Amino acid sequence: MSRDRGARAATGLVIALACATVVGLITLWPAGQSIEPPEGSVAGATLRAEVVSVSAVECQVPEQRGCRIAEARLAEGPDRGEMARFAADSAGVNELVDVGDDVRLVENEVPPGADPAEIQRYAFTGFERRSTLGWLFAGFVAIVLALGRWRGLRSLFGLALSLLLVGAFVVPAILHGSEPVLVAVVGAMAIMLCTIFLAHGGGPKSVAAMLGTAASLGITVALAVLFTGLTELSGMASDQSVLLAVGQEQVSLRGLVLAGMVIGALGVLDDVTVSQASAVMALRAADPRQGARELYRRALSIGRDHVAATVNTLVLAYVGAALPTVLLFSVAGTSFGEVVNNEAVAQEIVATLVGSIGLIAAVPLTTALAAMLAARLPATSLERAAAHSHAH
């Protein structure tokens, strides 16, 4: 195969992948449909209020201690400026409510036949966090732009597009009953293609990273489907899943678990594949005499170090997600074997291992593709590819 034919074939595969992704988006896009909340569900609208006092009260439940009532001045809604009372001794963290806190309250509905005087009109739902989160996000954007400059700006556009695809396509499509795994794969492909193209352009490095990510993600999906079935994961490991099953019967909870594994593995795969493709381009630019075989050998040694660190990152991320469950079992004196066999923990183990296998597979696959493409680049293209290499 000539140099031009090899590069054209790889580019053609990326174009075919992009076309298939567009077809998938069009086919699965939940346009013109709406989700009806289950009957009896509580509206999600909350009101901001500022706590002005917290008082101890007598507990109504035997053996309960530390019962308190808080008063807050409403800052939103038709009763803005009025005082609202709510219980400040439930949900585990309400003892942290103190004077001066900004909180979110929801108005309680009075059941038919009940005495409104015996029911608190408002209930505590959480603290007001949006302004703090906004400042944190602004700091994140500033740091990305200061270090990454134009490329950082493009990466932020890619991040925004990724979140848009998850919110506008992945979540609604799954809620409307589409196969979660198929939705997640199509959404992941769309996110991957857009983010790599926006951040790194459409050159040979991006082509290798895109194909390497797609192949590795395919391996991850196949393993996730296989071992989710073999371990009999039902998707009912959390209270949120149980509530979703009651309110949205059309959603496959096992499929939802698989979709989470796919989306969760994508971000790490992107990082590894782009890094490997960049390493190959930098090695060829440093010594243009190297052929594809030598490039593959040298870049693979770099990839081994990278994958060791990234697998550790992936494992720790999933361990952190399952840590509350593990601690709960430890307090109860449950044996290690019983902990591992619990679905909530087994789910994270499967996600960790299949994601790690896909991650490991991404290194040789992407390295081989990038080496093949880099060996076919002229000297002028090598300088440009090295200038846009991915760094850690």
Foldseek 3Di string as FASTA:
>chain_A
DDLVVLVVVLVVVLVVLVVVLVVLQVVLQPPPDDDDWDPPDDDPDWFKWFWADKAFDDDPDPPDDDKIKIKTATCDDPRHRDIFIETQRDPPPSVPDDGGFIFIKDADDDPPPDDPVVDGGIYTDGGPCVVVVVVVVVVVLVVLCVVVPQLSVLLVVLVVVLVCLCVRGLVVSLLVQDQNLSSLLSSLLVSLLRNLCSNQNDDLLSSLLSVLLNVLLVQLLVLLVVVCVVLVQQLPQDPVSVVCCVGRVSHRSSSVLSSVLSVLLSVLSSVLLLQLLLQLLQVCLVPVVDALVVSLVVSLVVSVVVLVVSLVVLLVVLCVVCVVVVVVCVVVVHDPVVSCSRSSNVSSVSSSVSSSVSNVSSNSSSSSSSSSNSNSDDNVVSVVSNVSGDDD
